[in-house]
N, C-alpha and C. Protein backbone atom coordinates (compact mmCIF):
# COMPACT_ATOMS: atom_id res chain seq x y z
N MET A 1 32.23 -2.77 -226.19
CA MET A 1 33.22 -3.36 -226.71
C MET A 1 33.68 -2.69 -227.77
N GLN A 2 34.97 -2.63 -227.90
CA GLN A 2 35.99 -2.05 -228.94
C GLN A 2 35.89 -2.76 -230.20
N ARG A 3 36.05 -2.21 -231.54
CA ARG A 3 36.34 -3.08 -232.48
C ARG A 3 37.60 -3.91 -232.59
N ALA A 4 38.58 -3.42 -231.99
CA ALA A 4 39.88 -4.30 -231.51
C ALA A 4 39.47 -5.52 -230.70
N ASN A 5 38.69 -5.47 -229.79
CA ASN A 5 38.19 -6.76 -228.94
C ASN A 5 37.58 -7.71 -229.85
N ARG A 6 36.91 -7.13 -230.54
CA ARG A 6 35.78 -8.09 -231.24
C ARG A 6 36.79 -8.83 -232.39
N VAL A 7 37.55 -7.89 -233.19
CA VAL A 7 38.49 -8.44 -234.16
C VAL A 7 39.59 -9.61 -233.44
N GLY A 8 40.03 -9.09 -232.11
CA GLY A 8 41.11 -9.91 -231.52
C GLY A 8 40.14 -11.28 -231.11
N ASP A 9 38.98 -11.34 -230.66
CA ASP A 9 38.59 -12.55 -230.51
C ASP A 9 38.05 -13.44 -231.75
N GLU A 10 37.73 -12.83 -233.06
CA GLU A 10 37.72 -13.61 -234.08
C GLU A 10 39.36 -14.39 -234.64
N ILE A 11 40.14 -13.34 -234.25
CA ILE A 11 41.17 -13.48 -234.60
C ILE A 11 41.72 -15.01 -233.82
N ARG A 12 41.36 -14.98 -232.63
CA ARG A 12 41.43 -16.11 -231.61
C ARG A 12 40.90 -17.39 -232.17
N LYS A 13 39.95 -17.51 -232.55
CA LYS A 13 38.81 -18.39 -232.96
C LYS A 13 39.59 -19.23 -234.55
N VAL A 14 40.01 -18.11 -235.33
CA VAL A 14 40.72 -18.80 -236.67
C VAL A 14 42.04 -19.30 -236.45
N ILE A 15 42.88 -18.86 -235.25
CA ILE A 15 44.05 -19.34 -235.31
C ILE A 15 44.10 -20.55 -234.35
N ALA A 16 43.06 -20.64 -233.63
CA ALA A 16 42.49 -22.04 -232.99
C ALA A 16 42.30 -22.97 -233.93
N ASP A 17 41.68 -22.63 -234.81
CA ASP A 17 41.13 -23.61 -236.01
C ASP A 17 41.91 -23.94 -236.72
N LEU A 18 43.00 -23.17 -237.15
CA LEU A 18 44.14 -23.71 -237.91
C LEU A 18 45.28 -24.41 -236.92
N ILE A 19 45.67 -24.11 -236.05
CA ILE A 19 46.52 -24.77 -235.19
C ILE A 19 45.91 -26.37 -235.19
N GLN A 20 44.59 -26.42 -234.79
CA GLN A 20 44.01 -27.76 -234.62
C GLN A 20 43.85 -28.52 -235.88
N ASN A 21 43.48 -27.81 -236.78
CA ASN A 21 43.05 -28.42 -238.09
C ASN A 21 43.82 -28.49 -239.32
N GLU A 22 44.59 -27.35 -239.12
CA GLU A 22 45.40 -27.35 -240.70
C GLU A 22 46.98 -27.19 -240.48
N ILE A 23 47.46 -26.96 -239.30
CA ILE A 23 48.88 -27.19 -239.43
C ILE A 23 49.03 -28.46 -239.04
N LYS A 24 49.76 -29.00 -239.99
CA LYS A 24 50.45 -30.23 -240.01
C LYS A 24 51.81 -30.55 -239.58
N ASP A 25 52.50 -29.47 -239.01
CA ASP A 25 53.92 -29.31 -238.60
C ASP A 25 53.93 -30.44 -237.30
N PRO A 26 54.99 -31.50 -237.63
CA PRO A 26 55.07 -32.70 -236.45
C PRO A 26 55.61 -32.09 -235.21
N ARG A 27 56.33 -30.90 -235.08
CA ARG A 27 56.88 -30.25 -234.11
C ARG A 27 55.74 -29.65 -233.22
N MET A 28 54.63 -29.62 -233.80
CA MET A 28 53.37 -28.98 -233.24
C MET A 28 52.49 -29.85 -232.04
N PRO A 29 52.90 -29.86 -230.96
CA PRO A 29 52.22 -30.52 -229.66
C PRO A 29 50.84 -30.86 -229.84
N GLU A 30 50.18 -31.92 -229.34
CA GLU A 30 48.87 -32.44 -229.48
C GLU A 30 47.87 -31.29 -228.51
N LEU A 31 48.31 -30.73 -227.37
CA LEU A 31 47.55 -29.90 -226.71
C LEU A 31 48.34 -28.50 -226.67
N VAL A 32 47.90 -27.70 -227.62
CA VAL A 32 47.77 -26.30 -228.08
C VAL A 32 46.68 -25.41 -227.65
N SER A 33 46.47 -24.60 -227.01
CA SER A 33 45.32 -23.45 -226.67
C SER A 33 45.56 -22.25 -226.91
N VAL A 34 44.80 -21.40 -227.85
CA VAL A 34 44.92 -20.17 -227.87
C VAL A 34 44.36 -19.71 -226.92
N VAL A 35 44.74 -18.79 -225.86
CA VAL A 35 44.21 -18.54 -224.68
C VAL A 35 43.40 -17.22 -224.80
N ALA A 36 44.34 -16.16 -225.50
CA ALA A 36 43.81 -15.11 -225.60
C ALA A 36 44.38 -14.07 -226.88
N VAL A 37 43.89 -13.18 -227.20
CA VAL A 37 44.57 -12.31 -228.34
C VAL A 37 44.25 -10.76 -228.20
N ASP A 38 45.27 -9.99 -228.10
CA ASP A 38 45.10 -8.71 -228.06
C ASP A 38 45.60 -7.76 -229.16
N ALA A 39 44.64 -7.51 -229.84
CA ALA A 39 44.86 -6.49 -230.99
C ALA A 39 45.06 -5.24 -230.70
N SER A 40 46.05 -4.53 -231.45
CA SER A 40 46.36 -2.92 -231.34
C SER A 40 44.94 -2.41 -231.65
N ARG A 41 44.81 -0.97 -231.45
CA ARG A 41 43.59 -0.26 -231.95
C ARG A 41 43.72 -0.24 -233.51
N ASP A 42 44.77 -0.28 -234.00
CA ASP A 42 44.82 0.13 -235.56
C ASP A 42 44.83 -1.18 -236.27
N LEU A 43 44.57 -2.35 -235.43
CA LEU A 43 44.70 -3.75 -235.92
C LEU A 43 45.80 -3.91 -236.98
N SER A 44 47.26 -3.40 -236.61
CA SER A 44 48.25 -3.68 -237.30
C SER A 44 48.89 -4.90 -236.54
N HIS A 45 48.90 -5.05 -235.22
CA HIS A 45 49.64 -5.91 -234.60
C HIS A 45 48.58 -6.94 -233.72
N ALA A 46 48.82 -7.92 -233.16
CA ALA A 46 48.05 -8.85 -232.50
C ALA A 46 49.23 -9.76 -231.67
N ARG A 47 48.96 -9.66 -230.53
CA ARG A 47 49.50 -10.57 -229.62
C ARG A 47 48.72 -11.47 -228.84
N ILE A 48 49.13 -12.90 -229.40
CA ILE A 48 48.62 -14.16 -229.40
C ILE A 48 49.17 -15.08 -228.41
N TYR A 49 48.24 -15.07 -227.38
CA TYR A 49 48.88 -15.98 -226.03
C TYR A 49 48.31 -17.37 -226.21
N ILE A 50 49.53 -18.29 -226.18
CA ILE A 50 49.37 -19.70 -226.49
C ILE A 50 49.57 -20.36 -225.00
N SER A 51 48.91 -21.52 -224.93
CA SER A 51 49.14 -22.44 -223.60
C SER A 51 49.49 -23.77 -224.38
N VAL A 52 50.52 -24.13 -223.77
CA VAL A 52 51.24 -25.52 -224.49
C VAL A 52 51.31 -26.37 -223.31
N MET A 53 50.43 -27.72 -222.97
CA MET A 53 50.64 -28.47 -221.91
C MET A 53 51.86 -29.70 -222.56
N GLY A 54 52.97 -29.60 -221.56
CA GLY A 54 53.80 -30.33 -221.69
C GLY A 54 54.98 -29.59 -221.09
N ASP A 55 56.27 -30.16 -221.50
CA ASP A 55 57.53 -29.40 -220.94
C ASP A 55 58.09 -28.46 -221.99
N GLU A 56 59.34 -28.08 -221.49
CA GLU A 56 59.94 -27.10 -222.06
C GLU A 56 60.21 -27.29 -223.38
N GLU A 57 60.61 -28.68 -223.80
CA GLU A 57 60.95 -29.06 -225.00
C GLU A 57 59.59 -29.00 -226.05
N ALA A 58 58.57 -29.20 -225.53
CA ALA A 58 57.46 -29.06 -226.11
C ALA A 58 57.12 -27.60 -226.69
N ARG A 59 57.38 -26.55 -225.86
CA ARG A 59 56.99 -25.33 -226.06
C ARG A 59 58.15 -24.88 -227.22
N LYS A 60 59.50 -25.15 -227.09
CA LYS A 60 60.42 -24.87 -228.08
C LYS A 60 59.72 -25.30 -229.30
N ASN A 61 59.22 -26.66 -229.67
CA ASN A 61 58.77 -27.09 -230.63
C ASN A 61 57.50 -26.41 -230.93
N CYS A 62 57.11 -26.26 -230.11
CA CYS A 62 55.58 -25.19 -230.47
C CYS A 62 56.02 -23.74 -231.17
N ALA A 63 57.01 -23.17 -230.53
CA ALA A 63 57.47 -21.95 -231.18
C ALA A 63 58.13 -22.06 -232.64
N ALA A 64 58.88 -23.04 -232.63
CA ALA A 64 59.68 -23.19 -234.12
C ALA A 64 58.48 -23.44 -235.06
N ALA A 65 57.59 -24.41 -234.49
CA ALA A 65 56.51 -24.48 -235.54
C ALA A 65 55.46 -23.41 -235.92
N LEU A 66 55.35 -22.65 -234.88
CA LEU A 66 54.44 -21.44 -235.11
C LEU A 66 55.29 -20.34 -236.23
N ARG A 67 56.44 -20.27 -235.73
CA ARG A 67 57.22 -19.37 -236.22
C ARG A 67 57.44 -19.85 -237.74
N SER A 68 57.49 -20.73 -238.45
CA SER A 68 57.58 -21.42 -239.69
C SER A 68 56.10 -21.12 -239.93
N ALA A 69 55.12 -21.47 -239.60
CA ALA A 69 53.64 -21.06 -240.10
C ALA A 69 53.14 -19.86 -240.07
N SER A 70 53.85 -18.79 -239.45
CA SER A 70 53.34 -17.57 -239.21
C SER A 70 53.17 -17.04 -240.58
N GLY A 71 53.50 -16.93 -241.52
CA GLY A 71 53.28 -16.43 -242.57
C GLY A 71 51.65 -16.80 -243.26
N TYR A 72 51.64 -18.20 -243.20
CA TYR A 72 50.46 -18.80 -243.55
C TYR A 72 49.35 -18.65 -242.54
N ILE A 73 49.64 -18.21 -241.30
CA ILE A 73 48.36 -17.78 -240.05
C ILE A 73 48.20 -16.60 -240.72
N ARG A 74 49.09 -15.55 -240.95
CA ARG A 74 48.77 -14.45 -241.02
C ARG A 74 48.02 -14.19 -242.25
N ARG A 75 48.30 -14.90 -243.45
CA ARG A 75 47.54 -14.70 -244.74
C ARG A 75 45.99 -15.03 -244.47
N GLU A 76 45.87 -16.21 -243.58
CA GLU A 76 44.48 -17.26 -243.31
C GLU A 76 43.74 -16.05 -242.37
N VAL A 77 44.35 -15.52 -241.39
CA VAL A 77 43.53 -14.44 -240.51
C VAL A 77 42.97 -13.37 -241.64
N ALA A 78 43.75 -12.74 -242.34
CA ALA A 78 43.28 -11.75 -243.18
C ALA A 78 42.32 -12.11 -244.13
N SER A 79 42.23 -13.21 -244.58
CA SER A 79 41.44 -13.61 -245.82
C SER A 79 40.14 -14.10 -245.09
N ARG A 80 40.30 -14.77 -244.21
CA ARG A 80 39.17 -15.19 -243.28
C ARG A 80 38.19 -14.15 -242.65
N ILE A 81 38.91 -13.32 -242.02
CA ILE A 81 38.24 -12.03 -241.30
C ILE A 81 37.66 -11.14 -242.22
N ARG A 82 38.73 -11.22 -243.32
CA ARG A 82 38.56 -9.84 -244.46
C ARG A 82 38.96 -8.72 -244.20
N LEU A 83 40.21 -8.65 -243.62
CA LEU A 83 40.89 -7.33 -243.05
C LEU A 83 41.72 -6.92 -244.35
N ARG A 84 41.58 -5.71 -244.34
CA ARG A 84 42.55 -5.12 -245.53
C ARG A 84 43.88 -5.18 -245.22
N VAL A 85 44.37 -5.09 -244.12
CA VAL A 85 45.77 -5.27 -243.59
C VAL A 85 45.82 -6.37 -242.67
N ALA A 86 46.52 -7.25 -242.83
CA ALA A 86 47.19 -8.59 -242.08
C ALA A 86 47.86 -7.82 -240.90
N PRO A 87 47.37 -8.45 -239.82
CA PRO A 87 48.16 -8.15 -238.62
C PRO A 87 49.31 -9.06 -238.12
N GLU A 88 50.00 -8.11 -237.93
CA GLU A 88 51.46 -8.63 -237.48
C GLU A 88 51.33 -9.66 -236.23
N LEU A 89 51.81 -10.74 -236.31
CA LEU A 89 51.38 -11.77 -235.02
C LEU A 89 52.85 -11.95 -234.31
N HIS A 90 52.52 -11.56 -233.21
CA HIS A 90 53.24 -11.93 -231.97
C HIS A 90 52.77 -13.00 -231.25
N PHE A 91 53.65 -13.99 -230.93
CA PHE A 91 53.32 -15.21 -230.25
C PHE A 91 53.82 -15.22 -229.09
N GLN A 92 53.12 -15.33 -227.77
CA GLN A 92 53.73 -15.44 -226.28
C GLN A 92 53.08 -16.68 -225.73
N PHE A 93 54.12 -17.15 -224.89
CA PHE A 93 53.47 -18.30 -224.06
C PHE A 93 52.62 -18.10 -223.10
N ASP A 94 51.64 -18.44 -222.50
CA ASP A 94 50.78 -18.19 -221.50
C ASP A 94 50.87 -19.50 -220.58
N ASP A 95 51.39 -19.65 -219.20
CA ASP A 95 51.23 -20.55 -218.24
C ASP A 95 50.07 -20.60 -217.57
N SER A 96 49.14 -19.73 -217.55
CA SER A 96 48.13 -19.82 -216.44
C SER A 96 47.00 -20.94 -216.56
N ILE A 97 47.01 -21.55 -217.60
CA ILE A 97 46.23 -23.07 -217.27
C ILE A 97 46.96 -24.01 -216.62
N GLU A 98 48.57 -24.21 -216.67
CA GLU A 98 49.11 -24.97 -216.11
C GLU A 98 49.19 -24.53 -214.55
N ARG A 99 49.26 -23.01 -214.33
CA ARG A 99 49.22 -22.45 -212.86
C ARG A 99 48.13 -22.97 -212.17
N GLY A 100 46.81 -22.84 -212.94
CA GLY A 100 45.44 -23.36 -212.56
C GLY A 100 45.43 -24.36 -211.86
N ILE A 101 45.85 -25.39 -212.78
CA ILE A 101 45.88 -27.02 -212.49
C ILE A 101 46.73 -27.20 -210.97
N ARG A 102 47.96 -26.59 -211.09
CA ARG A 102 49.13 -26.63 -209.93
C ARG A 102 48.21 -26.13 -208.73
N ILE A 103 47.66 -24.84 -208.89
CA ILE A 103 46.95 -24.49 -207.62
C ILE A 103 45.87 -25.27 -207.34
N SER A 104 45.10 -25.84 -208.16
CA SER A 104 43.99 -26.81 -207.95
C SER A 104 44.23 -27.87 -207.16
N ARG A 105 45.63 -28.44 -207.44
CA ARG A 105 45.81 -29.83 -206.87
C ARG A 105 46.70 -29.40 -205.54
N LEU A 106 47.09 -27.93 -205.28
CA LEU A 106 47.58 -27.60 -204.00
C LEU A 106 46.37 -27.75 -203.25
N ILE A 107 45.48 -26.97 -203.51
CA ILE A 107 44.00 -26.80 -202.82
C ILE A 107 43.75 -28.27 -202.38
N ASP A 108 43.43 -29.18 -203.30
CA ASP A 108 43.08 -30.60 -202.82
C ASP A 108 43.78 -30.92 -201.78
N GLU A 109 45.41 -30.77 -201.98
CA GLU A 109 46.00 -31.46 -201.01
C GLU A 109 46.04 -30.84 -199.53
N ALA A 110 45.76 -29.28 -199.42
CA ALA A 110 45.27 -29.01 -198.42
C ALA A 110 43.86 -29.15 -197.51
N LEU A 111 43.10 -29.45 -198.54
CA LEU A 111 41.89 -30.11 -197.76
C LEU A 111 41.97 -31.43 -197.54
N GLY A 112 43.03 -32.33 -197.89
CA GLY A 112 43.29 -33.63 -197.78
C GLY A 112 42.64 -34.53 -198.67
N GLU A 113 42.15 -33.72 -199.99
CA GLU A 113 41.44 -34.95 -200.70
C GLU A 113 42.67 -35.30 -201.53
N PRO A 114 42.25 -36.71 -201.65
CA PRO A 114 43.48 -37.52 -202.69
C PRO A 114 43.16 -36.94 -204.03
N ASP A 115 44.25 -37.29 -204.75
CA ASP A 115 44.64 -36.87 -205.99
C ASP A 115 43.61 -37.58 -206.80
N ARG A 116 43.00 -36.35 -207.70
CA ARG A 116 41.69 -37.06 -208.53
C ARG A 116 42.10 -38.31 -209.30
N GLN A 117 43.43 -38.13 -209.95
CA GLN A 117 43.74 -39.24 -210.90
C GLN A 117 44.22 -40.45 -210.08
N THR A 118 44.64 -40.35 -208.86
CA THR A 118 44.59 -41.60 -207.97
C THR A 118 43.44 -41.93 -207.33
N LYS A 119 42.67 -41.31 -207.32
CA LYS A 119 41.25 -41.78 -206.99
C LYS A 119 40.52 -42.40 -208.02
N GLN A 120 40.48 -42.11 -209.15
CA GLN A 120 39.99 -42.45 -210.19
C GLN A 120 40.55 -43.98 -210.50
N LYS A 121 41.83 -44.15 -210.45
CA LYS A 121 42.73 -45.66 -210.51
C LYS A 121 42.18 -46.30 -209.53
N THR A 122 41.87 -46.01 -208.13
CA THR A 122 41.30 -46.96 -207.58
C THR A 122 40.06 -47.08 -207.46
N ASP A 123 39.24 -46.23 -208.03
CA ASP A 123 37.90 -46.60 -208.39
C ASP A 123 37.76 -47.72 -209.46
N HIS A 124 38.67 -47.61 -210.56
CA HIS A 124 38.81 -48.79 -211.50
C HIS A 124 39.06 -50.15 -211.18
N GLU A 125 40.32 -50.17 -209.81
CA GLU A 125 40.69 -51.02 -209.66
C GLU A 125 39.57 -52.08 -208.79
N ALA A 126 39.09 -51.00 -208.09
CA ALA A 126 37.83 -51.64 -207.12
C ALA A 126 36.81 -52.65 -208.11
N GLU A 127 36.37 -52.04 -209.29
CA GLU A 127 35.46 -52.50 -210.46
C GLU A 127 35.79 -53.78 -210.79
N ASP A 128 37.30 -53.92 -210.56
CA ASP A 128 37.85 -55.14 -211.38
C ASP A 128 37.68 -56.51 -210.53
């Protein structure tokens, strides 16, 4: 495993912690995940893949919040990982989680299984 990959994993952990616990921007949606981080070999740039559960408005708000907090995030990443040079952060949206949910739903429909949420609702109604 290359150093850039190890540092990328650490950057992912730090940014996920910052988004969940320290960034208090009201534009930031509740369900934001840091999917992956690709760091350049010289660690001067890092591409951060973010997944947002929600509509297009939630993505736009998340992008604005991340742009607003990017300086703070960059400084925290450099200090927590103890890097000499803080990598320039490039945020990109990744819809792989949403695609996975949609594919899983299509497979369930193709197999003739009822929607899990609908099944859970009917189970709860039967208990009442």
